[in-house]
Amino acid sequence: MEKKLLNILFVFCLAAFPFLFRGSKMRENLVVYFSKGVLATLIDTYVVAKKRVEYPVRPFRRIFKTNIIYDVLFFPLLTVIWVKFSDNDSLGKIFLKSLLFTVPMSIGQWYFEKNSGLFKWNKWTPFHTFGSCSFTMFTIRGFVGLLKKLDKLKGNLNN
């Protein structure tokens, strides 16, 4: 059953790609996607090395100790959707909209940890998931904001 769930998530992520990476903000979306993938992979590698989380069922288990579908596909795509969803919002609205993503993610992971063999929490809770997802999402959002300011500054210098 776990492999079916991972395959469904993989197909869902691949199907979402053409819809999320088009239009005038494709560069921004790619920056969000790749930077979130790197950040999620680094954090997950640390968490797995500290034996707080285990992934008994994962693709390429001989190569990766983390689940690359989560780190390289699902979490980055979710962050791209969140950035699109909260674009041009005030900080308060961004925070509220982040809750629409992080709270269900935390509850969903808690449910799947209890009812499947996708991952095992040793020293981890839904609050850790909430905190790490929020941290990475806001870090990436800040990074994109910095890039926008640098692009604006560069545009002003060229004029």
Protein backbone atom coordinates (compact mmCIF):
# COMPACT_ATOMS: atom_id res chain seq x y z
CA MET A 1 0.00 0.00 0.00
CA GLU A 2 2.83 2.42 0.86
CA LYS A 3 4.44 2.06 -2.55
CA LYS A 4 1.08 2.78 -4.19
CA LEU A 5 0.74 5.96 -2.12
CA LEU A 6 4.23 7.08 -3.14
CA ASN A 7 3.49 6.31 -6.79
CA ILE A 8 0.26 8.32 -6.62
CA LEU A 9 2.13 11.25 -5.03
CA PHE A 10 4.84 10.98 -7.69
CA VAL A 11 2.30 11.02 -10.55
CA PHE A 12 0.41 13.92 -8.94
CA CYS A 13 3.61 15.94 -8.67
CA LEU A 14 4.62 15.25 -12.26
CA ALA A 15 1.13 16.18 -13.48
CA ALA A 16 1.31 19.50 -11.58
CA PHE A 17 4.59 20.60 -13.20
CA PRO A 18 3.21 21.98 -16.49
CA PHE A 19 0.56 23.99 -14.67
CA LEU A 20 2.88 25.52 -12.09
CA PHE A 21 5.83 26.42 -14.28
CA ARG A 22 4.40 28.59 -16.98
CA GLY A 23 3.71 32.24 -17.43
CA SER A 24 5.60 35.39 -16.62
CA LYS A 25 6.78 34.24 -13.17
CA MET A 26 8.39 31.02 -14.33
CA ARG A 27 11.86 32.18 -13.21
CA GLU A 28 10.57 33.00 -9.73
CA ASN A 29 8.75 29.67 -9.52
CA LEU A 30 11.88 27.79 -10.52
CA VAL A 31 13.91 29.65 -7.89
CA VAL A 32 11.29 28.76 -5.27
CA TYR A 33 11.17 25.15 -6.40
CA PHE A 34 14.91 24.50 -6.46
CA SER A 35 15.76 26.46 -3.32
CA LYS A 36 13.00 24.70 -1.37
CA GLY A 37 14.23 21.35 -2.69
CA VAL A 38 17.76 22.06 -1.48
CA LEU A 39 16.61 23.38 1.89
CA ALA A 40 14.17 20.50 2.48
CA THR A 41 16.80 17.93 1.52
CA LEU A 42 19.39 19.46 3.85
CA ILE A 43 17.00 19.60 6.80
CA ASP A 44 15.62 16.11 6.15
CA THR A 45 19.13 14.66 5.84
CA TYR A 46 20.01 16.15 9.23
CA VAL A 47 16.78 14.92 10.85
CA VAL A 48 17.26 11.40 9.48
CA ALA A 49 20.93 11.35 10.54
CA LYS A 50 19.82 12.25 14.08
CA LYS A 51 17.33 9.34 13.87
CA ARG A 52 14.32 11.54 14.59
CA VAL A 53 12.53 10.37 11.43
CA GLU A 54 12.92 7.18 9.41
CA TYR A 55 11.60 6.37 5.94
CA PRO A 56 11.14 2.57 5.81
CA VAL A 57 9.49 2.79 2.38
CA ARG A 58 11.26 5.11 -0.03
CA PRO A 59 12.52 5.16 -3.59
CA PHE A 60 16.22 4.43 -4.17
CA ARG A 61 16.64 3.19 -0.62
CA ARG A 62 20.24 2.10 -1.24
CA ILE A 63 21.23 5.61 -2.32
CA PHE A 64 19.07 7.94 -0.18
CA LYS A 65 18.13 7.69 3.48
CA THR A 66 15.45 10.36 2.97
CA ASN A 67 12.38 10.16 0.78
CA ILE A 68 13.28 12.16 -2.30
CA ILE A 69 9.67 12.32 -3.46
CA TYR A 70 8.88 14.47 -0.41
CA ASP A 71 12.08 16.51 -0.46
CA VAL A 72 12.57 17.09 -4.18
CA LEU A 73 9.03 16.97 -5.56
CA PHE A 74 6.16 17.36 -3.11
CA PHE A 75 7.40 19.98 -0.60
CA PRO A 76 8.93 22.23 -3.28
CA LEU A 77 5.75 22.09 -5.40
CA LEU A 78 3.64 22.85 -2.36
CA THR A 79 5.82 25.89 -1.65
CA VAL A 80 5.50 27.09 -5.26
CA ILE A 81 1.71 26.89 -4.88
CA TRP A 82 1.87 28.77 -1.56
CA VAL A 83 4.06 31.53 -2.99
CA LYS A 84 1.66 31.92 -5.95
CA PHE A 85 -1.33 31.85 -3.58
CA SER A 86 0.11 34.52 -1.30
CA ASP A 87 1.80 36.73 -3.89
CA ASN A 88 1.47 40.47 -3.15
CA ASP A 89 -0.13 39.86 0.26
CA SER A 90 0.69 41.63 3.51
CA LEU A 91 2.70 39.77 6.15
CA GLY A 92 -0.45 39.00 8.16
CA LYS A 93 -2.22 37.46 5.18
CA ILE A 94 0.90 35.53 4.22
CA PHE A 95 1.02 34.08 7.74
CA LEU A 96 -2.67 33.11 7.65
CA LYS A 97 -2.32 31.55 4.21
CA SER A 98 0.72 29.61 5.39
CA LEU A 99 -1.50 28.01 8.03
CA LEU A 100 -3.71 26.67 5.21
CA PHE A 101 -0.69 24.67 4.05
CA THR A 102 1.25 23.80 7.21
CA VAL A 103 -1.62 22.73 9.47
CA PRO A 104 -3.08 20.17 7.00
CA MET A 105 0.47 19.00 6.22
CA SER A 106 1.15 18.40 9.92
CA ILE A 107 -2.16 16.61 10.46
CA GLY A 108 -1.70 14.55 7.31
CA GLN A 109 1.78 13.47 8.29
CA TRP A 110 0.57 12.57 11.76
CA TYR A 111 -2.23 10.46 10.24
CA PHE A 112 0.09 8.68 7.80
CA GLU A 113 2.70 8.09 10.50
CA LYS A 114 0.05 6.34 12.62
CA ASN A 115 -1.68 4.46 9.79
CA SER A 116 1.03 3.56 7.27
CA GLY A 117 4.64 2.55 7.04
CA LEU A 118 5.70 5.56 4.95
CA PHE A 119 7.71 7.06 7.76
CA LYS A 120 8.35 6.55 11.43
CA TRP A 121 8.70 9.32 13.98
CA ASN A 122 11.14 8.63 16.80
CA LYS A 123 11.74 12.07 18.30
CA TRP A 124 9.32 13.97 16.07
CA THR A 125 5.78 15.32 16.41
CA PRO A 126 3.27 17.19 14.25
CA PHE A 127 4.58 20.37 15.88
CA HIS A 128 8.05 19.65 14.51
CA THR A 129 6.52 19.20 11.06
CA PHE A 130 4.59 22.45 11.46
CA GLY A 131 7.71 24.32 12.58
CA SER A 132 10.02 22.95 9.91
CA CYS A 133 7.50 23.49 7.10
CA SER A 134 6.78 27.03 8.29
CA PHE A 135 10.48 27.80 8.67
CA THR A 136 11.36 26.59 5.19
CA MET A 137 8.38 28.27 3.54
CA PHE A 138 9.13 31.65 5.13
CA THR A 139 12.84 31.28 4.44
CA ILE A 140 12.14 30.69 0.76
CA ARG A 141 9.60 33.52 0.71
CA GLY A 142 12.22 35.86 2.21
CA PHE A 143 14.79 34.70 -0.33
CA VAL A 144 12.39 35.43 -3.21
CA GLY A 145 11.61 38.83 -1.69
CA LEU A 146 15.33 39.60 -1.55
CA LEU A 147 15.75 38.59 -5.19
CA LYS A 148 12.84 40.84 -6.18
CA LYS A 149 14.42 43.79 -4.36
CA LEU A 150 17.78 43.09 -6.04
CA ASP A 151 16.09 42.93 -9.46
CA LYS A 152 14.35 46.25 -8.74
CA LEU A 153 17.61 47.82 -7.62
CA LYS A 154 19.36 46.49 -10.71
CA GLY A 155 16.57 47.94 -12.89
CA ASN A 156 16.91 51.34 -11.21
CA LEU A 157 20.68 51.32 -11.72
CA ASN A 158 20.30 50.51 -15.43
CA ASN A 159 17.89 53.42 -16.02
